[in-house]
Amino acid sequence: MSRSVSAPSPFASSLRTCALLLGAALLLAGCRGRMGNRGEDAGTRLDAAARPDGGALPGDGGASRDAAPDVDGGPAPLDAGPSTPDAGPPPGDLVPDLRVDAVAAFQTVRIPLVEAGAPVVTASRNAPLIAGRDTLFRVYPTPEAGWRARPVRAVIELDGARFTAEGTPALPLADTAAGTPLDVRVPGSAITAEASFRVRLEEVDGSGVASGPAAWPASGAAALDARDAGVMEVVLVPFRYDTDGSGRLPATDAAQLALYARELTTRFPYAEVDIRVHAIVPWSRGTRFNGNVDWGDVNAELIDLRDAEGAPEHEYWYGVMAPHESRSSYCASTFGTCVTGQSYVSTLRGTRVGSGVGFAGEASAGTLAHELGHQHGRYHSPCGTSGTDADYPYASGVIGVWGWDPASGAFYAPDTGTDIMGYCDEQWVSDYTYAAFFQRAVDLRGAYALRAPAPLAGPVRFLHLGPGEHRWSAPRELRRLPGAPRPALWLDARGRPLGVVEAGYLEEAHGGGRVWVLPAEAPFPAVSVQVGDAVIPLGPR
């Protein structure tokens, strides 16, 4: 039996119930220190709101201040805020002494639409504008001769619908953490792929002019050119932890699912996030020598499970586990290493899996979002960790552009907010990462063909190669070969080749480790196997 929670465009404020309630390239990303019980009944389908801040995530496994969803909806309705859709006074005169010089749209990140009075063409935008997502439009006026400070009305027209905000702007208008009086918030339902927009600055009190530079464009409307990223589908797999005999289950109740959905809808460029809770999977295997869960072993289990169930390629599978009573006690047991999750990042369907701690609260939601970022093909951002993305454009892992949380209204500064794929505080998401997430969504919708995994003839072992060490997993049956096919050369006692078999190859994001998937029993009378440039003795495995 499974349950699902769905978050439509961030962030409408309705609670809906699921059908059952109505009737009733690859890397292994091991992630540290960031980062309950499941019922068997059908769950809820609800909208999510984001955390109000992007700082360090609490992780004590206790109740989160945001954990319980409000059945009447999350954030305030859009028409209760500073901007008003389809309401208020009729169109007024244009302000004669202001010129619309720039316009930006905030959808998680700031996206320029107009600069120096000219449109920013889609190909030159730093990130895609996503159809179906709540959007904050900010109008940047330039004063003309004779400007006197007074209240003005900023208007965003979308296919005839008017959305407004009123206030007295301090010019020149600057992006600040407090926002501006000319911020116009528009619900996701008005952001469509076909929509065109027009901007006006109108007089609030008194008369103005019928035409002038306070309208952009001067005539007609400009294409918004919003893109469709589809739905992000996540399968959450709860593991029953029996290694210590406790039978603990991770938190997958409605409150925790709401936190997961909120974290994903605020950080990823989808109009909707759907989370389905899988049936419980038992787990009783031992931990690593340092007390950490062997997340690589968990992921191997998920690979097999995903393949056995014929999961579609666009689904992201994520296992959750509660190896201790709380995150803090788990981390205390790992001698300062505390790996809270790992994920395969792949263009191959079968290895689009990851896993992490599943304690109640926001920390586990942050871990999930980070690990799903790896599953979207992202390396670490250069902040507080190794194995970073050499192409990341901003020093120290900062986000580089203004960020905006559509649930709380909070803004994140370019030079202090840090990227979700790093390990630093005040986390949000950069335009670089956000655009890459979108590209992965496009890819999974059929922009390129995915390689079909090769079939296996018998049980396999995972060979983990790290700096100065190697280790073999226990034998396991897999239906298909995970990872990119690579040759593995089997050698005799004198190092002479006996034969070659096709092995699966994965990479680890942390510490440059590699994983090879090899037959559990040597197919030749070999004493060692060469994988890449490493020769590994077989010996006792």
Protein backbone atom coordinates (compact mmCIF):
# COMPACT_ATOMS: atom_id res chain seq x y z
CA MET A 1 0.00 0.00 0.00
CA SER A 2 1.29 3.46 -0.77
CA ARG A 3 0.34 7.00 0.08
CA SER A 4 1.03 10.22 -1.74
CA VAL A 5 1.29 13.89 -1.03
CA SER A 6 1.25 16.42 -3.84
CA ALA A 7 2.25 20.05 -3.75
CA PRO A 8 0.78 22.08 -6.61
CA SER A 9 2.37 25.31 -7.71
CA PRO A 10 4.03 26.96 -4.76
CA PHE A 11 2.04 27.94 -3.07
CA ALA A 12 -1.69 27.78 -3.31
CA SER A 13 -3.33 27.51 0.05
CA SER A 14 -5.75 24.61 -0.23
CA LEU A 15 -5.61 21.16 1.31
CA ARG A 16 -6.75 18.36 -0.95
CA THR A 17 -7.08 14.69 -0.20
CA CYS A 18 -5.77 11.81 -2.22
CA ALA A 19 -8.07 9.29 -3.90
CA LEU A 20 -7.95 6.89 -0.95
CA LEU A 21 -8.98 9.62 1.44
CA LEU A 22 -11.71 10.77 -0.85
CA GLY A 23 -13.21 7.29 -0.57
CA ALA A 24 -11.54 6.82 2.67
CA ALA A 25 27.85 10.37 -15.60
CA LEU A 26 27.10 8.86 -12.20
CA LEU A 27 28.03 9.74 -8.66
CA LEU A 28 27.29 8.46 -5.20
CA ALA A 29 26.81 11.56 -3.10
CA GLY A 30 27.45 10.94 0.57
CA CYS A 31 26.20 13.82 2.63
CA ARG A 32 27.02 14.63 6.20
CA GLY A 33 25.41 16.04 9.21
CA ARG A 34 22.63 18.03 7.48
CA MET A 35 20.10 16.83 7.36
CA GLY A 36 9.03 8.45 13.54
CA ASN A 37 6.46 6.21 12.40
CA ARG A 38 4.47 5.38 9.29
CA GLY A 39 0.85 4.40 9.19
CA GLU A 40 -0.32 1.88 6.62
CA ASP A 41 -3.38 3.85 5.54
CA ALA A 42 -3.76 6.16 2.60
CA GLY A 43 -2.33 9.60 3.13
CA THR A 44 -3.21 13.10 2.19
CA ARG A 45 -2.67 15.20 -0.87
CA LEU A 46 -1.78 18.67 0.24
CA ASP A 47 -0.09 21.89 -0.67
CA ALA A 48 3.24 22.79 0.84
CA ALA A 49 4.90 25.91 2.11
CA ALA A 50 8.62 26.48 2.40
CA ARG A 51 10.71 26.98 5.51
CA PRO A 52 10.80 30.64 6.43
CA ASP A 53 14.56 30.71 6.52
CA GLY A 54 17.40 29.05 4.71
CA GLY A 55 19.81 28.67 7.58
CA ALA A 56 21.14 25.64 9.40
CA LEU A 57 18.57 22.92 9.70
CA PRO A 58 17.54 21.71 13.15
CA GLY A 59 18.00 17.98 13.41
CA ASP A 60 17.21 16.74 16.87
CA GLY A 61 14.42 14.50 15.61
CA GLY A 62 11.86 16.38 17.66
CA ALA A 63 8.85 18.27 16.51
CA SER A 64 9.45 21.04 14.03
CA ARG A 65 7.80 24.39 14.49
CA ASP A 66 6.47 23.97 10.94
CA ALA A 67 5.71 20.29 11.11
CA ALA A 68 1.93 20.30 11.37
CA PRO A 69 0.12 21.32 8.19
CA ASP A 70 -2.88 23.59 8.58
CA VAL A 71 -5.91 21.91 7.04
CA ASP A 72 -7.14 25.31 5.94
CA GLY A 73 -4.04 25.83 3.84
CA GLY A 74 -0.50 27.08 4.18
CA PRO A 75 0.43 30.68 3.47
CA ALA A 76 -2.03 33.51 3.23
CA PRO A 77 -4.05 33.71 0.02
CA LEU A 78 -2.38 35.79 -2.63
CA ASP A 79 -5.09 38.44 -2.65
CA ALA A 80 -4.44 39.12 1.03
CA GLY A 81 -0.93 40.36 0.39
CA PRO A 82 0.52 43.64 -0.86
CA SER A 83 -0.44 42.96 -4.47
CA THR A 84 -4.01 42.48 -5.61
CA PRO A 85 -5.13 40.39 -8.58
CA ASP A 86 -8.18 41.54 -10.50
CA ALA A 87 -9.30 43.88 -7.74
CA GLY A 88 -8.97 47.46 -6.61
CA PRO A 89 -9.44 50.58 -8.71
CA PRO A 90 -9.84 50.50 -12.48
CA PRO A 91 -6.88 51.38 -14.71
CA GLY A 92 -5.61 54.86 -13.93
CA ASP A 93 -3.47 57.44 -15.66
CA LEU A 94 0.20 56.80 -16.13
CA VAL A 95 2.72 58.54 -13.91
CA PRO A 96 4.29 61.27 -16.10
CA ASP A 97 7.63 61.49 -14.32
CA LEU A 98 8.68 57.83 -14.09
CA ARG A 99 10.05 55.47 -16.70
CA VAL A 100 9.92 51.65 -16.53
CA ASP A 101 13.60 50.85 -16.85
CA ALA A 102 13.77 47.26 -15.61
CA VAL A 103 11.51 44.41 -14.56
CA ALA A 104 12.49 41.18 -12.81
CA ALA A 105 10.53 38.06 -11.96
CA PHE A 106 11.30 36.19 -8.75
CA GLN A 107 10.56 32.47 -8.84
CA THR A 108 12.91 31.05 -6.22
CA VAL A 109 15.65 33.07 -7.99
CA ARG A 110 15.65 36.52 -9.57
CA ILE A 111 15.16 36.40 -13.36
CA PRO A 112 15.57 39.66 -15.32
CA LEU A 113 12.82 40.25 -17.89
CA VAL A 114 13.59 43.85 -18.87
CA GLU A 115 16.91 45.67 -18.56
CA ALA A 116 17.65 49.25 -19.64
CA GLY A 117 14.21 49.36 -21.22
CA ALA A 118 14.86 46.37 -23.48
CA PRO A 119 13.48 42.85 -23.15
CA VAL A 120 15.81 40.09 -21.97
CA VAL A 121 15.33 37.36 -24.54
CA THR A 122 14.70 33.88 -23.21
CA ALA A 123 18.05 32.53 -24.36
CA SER A 124 19.83 35.24 -22.33
CA ARG A 125 17.94 34.71 -19.09
CA ASN A 126 19.92 33.31 -16.19
CA ALA A 127 17.20 30.78 -15.38
CA PRO A 128 13.89 29.68 -16.87
CA LEU A 129 10.60 31.22 -15.85
CA ILE A 130 8.38 28.26 -14.93
CA ALA A 131 4.71 28.05 -15.84
CA GLY A 132 2.41 27.39 -12.91
CA ARG A 133 4.65 28.82 -10.17
CA ASP A 134 3.78 31.81 -8.01
CA THR A 135 5.82 34.78 -9.16
CA LEU A 136 6.84 38.10 -7.68
CA PHE A 137 7.32 40.81 -10.30
CA ARG A 138 9.48 43.77 -9.30
CA VAL A 139 9.31 46.99 -11.29
CA TYR A 140 12.37 49.28 -11.28
CA PRO A 141 11.46 52.84 -12.33
CA THR A 142 13.85 55.60 -13.29
CA PRO A 143 12.77 59.14 -12.35
CA GLU A 144 12.28 61.66 -15.11
CA ALA A 145 12.81 65.39 -14.68
CA GLY A 146 10.43 66.84 -12.12
CA TRP A 147 9.83 63.62 -10.20
CA ARG A 148 8.37 64.13 -6.75
CA ALA A 149 8.01 61.26 -4.32
CA ARG A 150 4.41 60.05 -3.92
CA PRO A 151 2.45 56.79 -3.91
CA VAL A 152 2.27 55.03 -7.26
CA ARG A 153 0.59 51.84 -8.41
CA ALA A 154 2.67 49.13 -10.08
CA VAL A 155 0.57 47.05 -12.45
CA ILE A 156 1.39 43.74 -14.09
CA GLU A 157 -1.07 42.86 -16.82
CA LEU A 158 -1.16 39.23 -17.90
CA ASP A 159 -3.50 38.54 -20.80
CA GLY A 160 -5.90 41.20 -19.58
CA ALA A 161 -5.78 40.35 -15.87
CA ARG A 162 -4.39 43.12 -13.66
CA PHE A 163 -2.22 42.50 -10.59
CA THR A 164 -1.23 45.54 -8.56
CA ALA A 165 0.81 46.87 -5.66
CA GLU A 166 0.90 50.40 -4.27
CA GLY A 167 3.56 52.34 -2.43
CA THR A 168 6.02 55.20 -2.49
CA PRO A 169 9.28 53.96 -4.00
CA ALA A 170 12.64 55.20 -2.79
CA LEU A 171 14.57 55.85 -5.99
CA PRO A 172 16.74 54.48 -7.36
CA LEU A 173 15.00 51.25 -6.43
CA ALA A 174 17.35 48.57 -5.10
CA ASP A 175 16.94 44.89 -4.30
CA THR A 176 16.84 44.48 -0.54
CA ALA A 177 15.92 41.80 1.94
CA ALA A 178 12.89 43.88 2.89
CA GLY A 179 11.42 43.91 -0.61
CA THR A 180 10.08 47.04 -2.29
CA PRO A 181 6.72 48.84 -2.54
CA LEU A 182 6.55 47.90 -6.22
CA ASP A 183 6.59 44.13 -5.73
CA VAL A 184 3.59 42.59 -7.46
CA ARG A 185 2.80 39.00 -6.56
CA VAL A 186 0.99 36.86 -9.12
CA PRO A 187 -0.47 33.39 -8.54
CA GLY A 188 0.91 30.48 -10.52
CA SER A 189 -2.41 29.99 -12.30
CA ALA A 190 -1.75 33.21 -14.25
CA ILE A 191 1.77 32.17 -15.31
CA THR A 192 1.21 30.14 -18.46
CA ALA A 193 3.41 29.21 -21.39
CA GLU A 194 1.27 31.35 -23.70
CA ALA A 195 0.95 34.42 -21.45
CA SER A 196 2.07 37.90 -22.48
CA PHE A 197 2.77 40.68 -20.01
CA ARG A 198 2.64 44.44 -19.83
CA VAL A 199 3.86 46.77 -17.07
CA ARG A 200 2.35 50.10 -16.00
CA LEU A 201 3.10 52.67 -13.31
CA GLU A 202 -0.12 54.51 -12.52
CA GLU A 203 -1.10 57.47 -10.39
CA VAL A 204 -2.85 56.55 -7.16
CA ASP A 205 -4.14 60.04 -6.38
CA GLY A 206 -4.61 62.66 -9.04
CA SER A 207 -4.40 62.66 -12.79
CA GLY A 208 -1.53 61.69 -15.02
CA VAL A 209 -1.00 61.02 -18.70
CA ALA A 210 -2.53 58.59 -21.16
CA SER A 211 0.76 57.38 -22.61
CA GLY A 212 4.43 57.64 -21.86
CA PRO A 213 7.51 55.77 -20.60
CA ALA A 214 5.67 54.59 -17.47
CA ALA A 215 4.19 51.83 -19.64
CA TRP A 216 6.26 48.95 -21.01
CA PRO A 217 6.19 48.01 -23.77
CA ALA A 218 4.93 51.23 -25.28
CA SER A 219 2.27 49.29 -27.15
CA GLY A 220 1.05 45.73 -27.16
CA ALA A 221 2.53 43.16 -24.79
CA ALA A 222 5.69 41.06 -24.52
CA ALA A 223 5.79 37.28 -24.39
CA LEU A 224 6.42 35.96 -20.90
CA ASP A 225 7.81 32.74 -22.38
CA ALA A 226 7.28 30.60 -19.29
CA ARG A 227 8.56 27.03 -19.55
CA ASP A 228 6.91 23.81 -18.44
CA ALA A 229 8.96 21.54 -16.17
CA GLY A 230 6.14 19.09 -15.48
CA VAL A 231 5.68 17.29 -12.16
CA MET A 232 8.50 16.13 -9.90
CA GLU A 233 7.58 12.59 -8.84
CA VAL A 234 9.30 11.21 -5.75
CA VAL A 235 8.90 7.71 -4.31
CA LEU A 236 9.74 7.73 -0.61
CA VAL A 237 10.77 4.27 0.60
CA PRO A 238 10.62 3.81 4.40
CA PHE A 239 12.97 1.20 5.87
CA ARG A 240 12.16 -0.55 9.15
CA TYR A 241 15.42 -0.43 11.11
CA ASP A 242 16.03 -3.78 12.83
CA THR A 243 19.84 -3.72 13.02
CA ASP A 244 19.53 -2.96 16.74
CA GLY A 245 16.29 -4.91 17.14
CA SER A 246 14.23 -1.74 17.58
CA GLY A 247 12.10 -1.96 14.45
CA ARG A 248 12.13 1.84 14.24
CA LEU A 249 10.34 3.47 11.34
CA PRO A 250 11.17 6.85 9.79
CA ALA A 251 8.71 9.72 9.95
CA THR A 252 6.35 9.59 6.98
CA ASP A 253 3.22 11.07 8.51
CA ALA A 254 1.33 13.92 6.87
CA ALA A 255 3.30 16.55 8.77
CA GLN A 256 6.67 15.21 7.63
CA LEU A 257 5.48 14.72 4.07
CA ALA A 258 4.38 18.35 4.09
CA LEU A 259 7.90 19.40 5.12
CA TYR A 260 9.40 17.28 2.35
CA ALA A 261 7.02 18.72 -0.23
CA ARG A 262 7.64 22.29 0.94
CA GLU A 263 11.39 21.89 0.70
CA LEU A 264 11.16 20.56 -2.84
CA THR A 265 8.58 23.02 -4.14
CA THR A 266 10.62 25.99 -2.95
CA ARG A 267 13.98 24.84 -4.32
CA PHE A 268 13.19 22.95 -7.53
CA PRO A 269 11.68 24.40 -10.73
CA TYR A 270 8.53 22.30 -10.93
CA ALA A 271 4.93 23.47 -10.95
CA GLU A 272 4.00 20.48 -8.81
CA VAL A 273 5.75 17.95 -6.58
CA ASP A 274 4.16 14.56 -5.95
CA ILE A 275 5.49 12.32 -3.17
CA ARG A 276 4.33 8.71 -2.96
CA VAL A 277 5.13 6.65 0.12
CA HIS A 278 6.17 3.09 -0.74
CA ALA A 279 5.42 0.05 1.37
CA ILE A 280 7.80 -0.50 4.29
CA VAL A 281 11.02 -2.40 3.55
CA PRO A 282 12.76 -4.35 6.36
CA TRP A 283 16.42 -3.60 7.13
CA SER A 284 18.71 -5.47 9.53
CA ARG A 285 22.19 -5.15 8.05
CA GLY A 286 25.10 -3.83 10.06
CA THR A 287 26.62 -0.37 10.05
CA ARG A 288 30.01 0.72 8.79
CA PHE A 289 33.05 0.48 11.06
CA ASN A 290 32.53 4.11 12.10
CA GLY A 291 28.88 3.65 13.05
CA ASN A 292 27.39 5.17 9.91
CA VAL A 293 24.63 3.45 8.01
CA ASP A 294 26.05 1.88 4.86
CA TRP A 295 24.01 4.09 2.57
CA GLY A 296 25.68 2.53 -0.46
CA ASP A 297 24.17 -0.80 0.56
CA VAL A 298 20.78 0.85 1.03
CA ASN A 299 21.04 2.36 -2.44
CA ALA A 300 21.93 -1.01 -3.93
CA GLU A 301 18.73 -2.36 -2.38
CA LEU A 302 16.78 0.53 -3.89
CA ILE A 303 18.26 -0.13 -7.33
CA ASP A 304 16.97 -3.69 -7.21
CA LEU A 305 13.61 -2.68 -5.78
CA ARG A 306 13.10 0.02 -8.36
CA ASP A 307 13.94 -2.35 -11.17
CA ALA A 308 11.77 -5.15 -9.78
CA GLU A 309 8.77 -2.84 -9.75
CA GLY A 310 9.46 -1.42 -13.21
CA ALA A 311 9.65 2.17 -12.01
CA PRO A 312 9.30 4.75 -14.80
CA GLU A 313 12.41 6.70 -15.65
CA HIS A 314 11.11 10.04 -14.42
CA GLU A 315 10.62 8.91 -10.81
CA TYR A 316 13.15 9.78 -8.11
CA TRP A 317 13.43 7.08 -5.45
CA TYR A 318 14.61 7.99 -1.97
CA GLY A 319 14.95 5.68 1.02
CA VAL A 320 14.50 6.96 4.57
CA MET A 321 15.64 5.28 7.77
CA ALA A 322 15.82 6.06 11.50
CA PRO A 323 19.00 4.32 12.69
CA HIS A 324 18.74 6.01 16.12
CA GLU A 325 16.11 7.78 18.16
CA SER A 326 17.21 11.14 16.78
CA ARG A 327 19.65 12.70 14.38
CA SER A 328 21.77 14.01 17.23
CA SER A 329 22.15 10.57 18.82
CA TYR A 330 22.91 9.04 15.43
CA CYS A 331 25.63 11.58 14.73
CA ALA A 332 27.04 11.13 18.24
CA SER A 333 27.54 7.44 17.48
CA THR A 334 29.63 8.00 14.34
CA PHE A 335 32.85 9.37 15.86
CA GLY A 336 32.43 12.75 14.21
CA THR A 337 31.83 11.45 10.67
CA CYS A 338 28.00 11.48 10.57
CA VAL A 339 27.03 10.69 6.99
CA THR A 340 23.30 11.39 6.79
CA GLY A 341 22.64 10.45 3.18
CA GLN A 342 23.96 9.43 -0.22
CA SER A 343 22.53 9.43 -3.73
CA TYR A 344 23.35 8.07 -7.11
CA VAL A 345 23.13 10.72 -9.77
CA SER A 346 22.57 9.22 -13.15
CA THR A 347 21.14 9.56 -16.61
CA LEU A 348 20.26 5.89 -16.24
CA ARG A 349 16.81 5.14 -14.90
CA GLY A 350 17.83 2.26 -12.65
CA THR A 351 20.32 4.25 -10.59
CA ARG A 352 18.20 7.34 -9.96
CA VAL A 353 18.05 6.50 -6.26
CA GLY A 354 19.30 7.87 -2.96
CA SER A 355 18.77 7.48 0.75
CA GLY A 356 19.15 9.32 4.02
CA VAL A 357 18.02 9.73 7.58
CA GLY A 358 14.28 10.10 8.07
CA PHE A 359 13.84 11.67 11.49
CA ALA A 360 10.93 14.02 12.12
CA GLY A 361 11.61 17.69 11.43
CA GLU A 362 13.18 20.04 8.94
CA ALA A 363 16.69 18.60 8.94
CA SER A 364 15.60 15.43 7.17
CA ALA A 365 13.70 17.55 4.65
CA GLY A 366 16.89 19.49 3.93
CA THR A 367 18.82 16.25 3.50
CA LEU A 368 16.21 14.91 1.09
CA ALA A 369 16.31 18.06 -1.05
CA HIS A 370 20.12 18.02 -1.13
CA GLU A 371 20.22 14.35 -2.11
CA LEU A 372 17.59 14.81 -4.80
CA GLY A 373 19.78 17.61 -6.09
CA HIS A 374 22.49 15.00 -6.58
CA GLN A 375 19.96 12.82 -8.37
CA HIS A 376 19.38 15.79 -10.66
CA GLY A 377 23.02 15.56 -11.71
CA ARG A 378 24.53 18.18 -9.44
CA TYR A 379 27.92 17.98 -7.78
CA HIS A 380 28.54 19.81 -4.53
CA SER A 381 28.76 23.56 -4.54
CA PRO A 382 32.12 24.84 -3.22
CA CYS A 383 31.11 25.57 0.36
CA GLY A 384 32.18 23.38 3.26
CA THR A 385 32.74 20.15 1.35
CA SER A 386 34.91 18.38 -1.18
CA GLY A 387 34.10 16.88 -4.56
CA THR A 388 32.72 20.17 -5.82
CA ASP A 389 31.45 21.30 -9.20
CA ALA A 390 34.39 22.87 -11.04
CA ASP A 391 31.96 24.90 -13.17
CA TYR A 392 30.09 26.48 -10.27
CA PRO A 393 30.20 30.20 -11.12
CA TYR A 394 30.23 31.85 -7.68
CA ALA A 395 33.06 31.81 -5.15
CA SER A 396 32.49 30.19 -1.76
CA GLY A 397 29.27 28.56 -2.90
CA VAL A 398 27.10 31.68 -2.59
CA ILE A 399 23.95 31.88 -4.68
CA GLY A 400 25.14 34.84 -6.75
CA VAL A 401 21.68 36.33 -7.39
CA TRP A 402 18.78 37.30 -5.17
CA GLY A 403 16.62 34.43 -4.01
CA TRP A 404 12.99 34.52 -2.91
CA ASP A 405 10.94 32.14 -0.78
CA PRO A 406 7.38 32.31 -2.11
CA ALA A 407 5.92 30.82 1.08
CA SER A 408 7.41 33.19 3.65
CA GLY A 409 8.28 36.10 1.39
CA ALA A 410 11.89 36.01 2.62
CA PHE A 411 14.70 37.17 0.35
CA TYR A 412 18.23 35.76 0.21
CA ALA A 413 21.11 38.05 -0.68
CA PRO A 414 23.49 37.06 -3.49
CA ASP A 415 26.61 37.28 -1.33
CA THR A 416 25.32 35.68 1.89
CA GLY A 417 22.84 33.05 0.76
CA THR A 418 24.52 29.74 -0.08
CA ASP A 419 23.58 27.02 -2.51
CA ILE A 420 21.56 23.94 -1.59
CA MET A 421 24.32 21.69 -2.92
CA GLY A 422 26.91 22.98 -0.43
CA TYR A 423 27.27 22.53 3.33
CA CYS A 424 27.11 26.13 4.53
CA ASP A 425 24.45 28.10 6.38
CA GLU A 426 21.66 30.36 5.06
CA GLN A 427 20.93 27.96 2.26
CA TRP A 428 18.78 28.69 -0.74
CA VAL A 429 19.52 27.83 -4.38
CA SER A 430 21.60 29.61 -7.02
CA ASP A 431 20.35 30.41 -10.50
CA TYR A 432 23.08 28.08 -11.82
CA THR A 433 21.75 25.12 -9.84
CA TYR A 434 18.11 26.03 -10.46
CA ALA A 435 18.65 26.17 -14.22
CA ALA A 436 20.48 22.84 -14.10
CA PHE A 437 17.57 21.27 -12.20
CA PHE A 438 15.27 22.46 -14.98
CA GLN A 439 17.53 21.02 -17.66
CA ARG A 440 17.39 17.65 -15.93
CA ALA A 441 13.59 17.85 -15.96
CA VAL A 442 13.67 18.55 -19.69
CA ASP A 443 16.07 15.69 -20.27
CA LEU A 444 13.85 13.24 -18.44
CA ARG A 445 10.91 14.21 -20.57
CA GLY A 446 12.55 12.70 -23.58
CA ALA A 447 15.12 15.19 -24.89
CA TYR A 448 17.61 12.36 -25.18
CA ALA A 449 17.56 8.56 -25.11
CA LEU A 450 18.72 6.79 -21.97
CA ARG A 451 21.03 3.81 -22.13
CA ALA A 452 19.33 0.50 -21.33
CA PRO A 453 21.02 -1.41 -18.47
CA ALA A 454 22.64 -4.72 -19.42
CA PRO A 455 21.12 -7.92 -17.98
CA LEU A 456 22.98 -9.91 -15.32
CA ALA A 457 23.54 -13.64 -15.20
CA GLY A 458 23.88 -14.10 -11.43
CA PRO A 459 24.61 -12.52 -8.05
CA VAL A 460 26.94 -9.54 -7.78
CA ARG A 461 29.07 -7.73 -5.22
CA PHE A 462 29.59 -3.97 -5.02
CA LEU A 463 33.30 -3.13 -4.87
CA HIS A 464 33.77 0.24 -3.15
CA LEU A 465 37.10 1.95 -3.86
CA GLY A 466 38.05 4.93 -1.74
CA PRO A 467 41.28 6.72 -0.92
CA GLY A 468 43.54 4.03 0.50
CA GLU A 469 40.84 1.39 0.94
CA HIS A 470 38.57 -1.04 -0.82
CA ARG A 471 35.68 -3.11 0.44
CA TRP A 472 33.26 -5.64 -0.96
CA SER A 473 29.55 -5.71 -0.23
CA ALA A 474 27.69 -8.90 0.54
CA PRO A 475 26.46 -10.83 -2.52
CA ARG A 476 23.09 -9.80 -3.82
CA GLU A 477 20.84 -10.65 -6.72
CA LEU A 478 20.15 -7.84 -9.18
CA ARG A 479 17.96 -8.06 -12.22
CA ARG A 480 19.95 -5.56 -14.23
CA LEU A 481 23.41 -4.11 -14.21
CA PRO A 482 23.46 -0.67 -12.55
CA GLY A 483 25.75 2.11 -13.64
CA ALA A 484 27.64 2.72 -16.85
CA PRO A 485 29.00 -0.49 -18.42
CA ARG A 486 32.79 -0.74 -18.10
CA PRO A 487 35.19 -3.63 -18.74
CA ALA A 488 36.64 -5.51 -15.76
CA LEU A 489 39.79 -7.55 -16.46
CA TRP A 490 40.31 -10.77 -14.47
CA LEU A 491 43.97 -11.64 -13.77
CA ASP A 492 45.88 -14.73 -12.70
CA ALA A 493 48.62 -14.92 -10.04
CA ARG A 494 51.19 -13.49 -12.45
CA GLY A 495 48.96 -10.62 -13.53
CA ARG A 496 48.09 -12.18 -16.87
CA PRO A 497 44.60 -11.50 -18.21
CA LEU A 498 42.20 -14.42 -18.17
CA GLY A 499 39.15 -12.68 -19.55
CA VAL A 500 36.98 -9.60 -19.53
CA VAL A 501 33.42 -9.15 -18.28
CA GLU A 502 31.14 -6.14 -18.38
CA ALA A 503 30.86 -4.48 -14.98
CA GLY A 504 28.73 -1.63 -13.70
CA TYR A 505 30.55 1.57 -12.80
CA LEU A 506 29.46 4.35 -10.43
CA GLU A 507 31.29 7.33 -8.96
CA GLU A 508 31.14 8.84 -5.50
CA ALA A 509 30.80 12.58 -5.01
CA HIS A 510 32.56 12.48 -1.65
CA GLY A 511 36.29 11.91 -1.60
CA GLY A 512 36.65 10.68 -5.17
CA GLY A 513 35.48 7.15 -4.44
CA ARG A 514 34.33 4.72 -7.10
CA VAL A 515 31.98 1.74 -7.12
CA TRP A 516 32.22 -1.30 -9.40
CA VAL A 517 29.47 -3.90 -9.67
CA LEU A 518 31.07 -7.29 -10.37
CA PRO A 519 30.03 -10.95 -10.38
CA ALA A 520 29.96 -12.35 -6.85
CA GLU A 521 31.91 -15.38 -8.06
CA ALA A 522 34.92 -14.87 -10.32
CA PRO A 523 34.07 -16.11 -13.81
CA PHE A 524 37.70 -17.26 -14.24
CA PRO A 525 40.33 -18.88 -11.94
CA ALA A 526 41.54 -15.38 -11.13
CA VAL A 527 43.30 -14.02 -8.07
CA SER A 528 42.68 -10.34 -8.81
CA VAL A 529 40.57 -8.06 -10.94
CA GLN A 530 41.59 -4.87 -12.72
CA VAL A 531 38.95 -2.15 -12.70
CA GLY A 532 40.08 1.06 -14.31
CA ASP A 533 43.66 1.60 -13.16
CA ALA A 534 43.24 -0.34 -9.90
CA VAL A 535 44.15 -4.00 -9.40
CA ILE A 536 42.20 -5.49 -6.50
CA PRO A 537 43.05 -8.90 -4.98
CA LEU A 538 40.07 -11.19 -4.69
CA GLY A 539 40.97 -13.11 -1.52
CA PRO A 540 38.25 -13.54 1.10
CA ARG A 541 35.30 -11.35 0.18
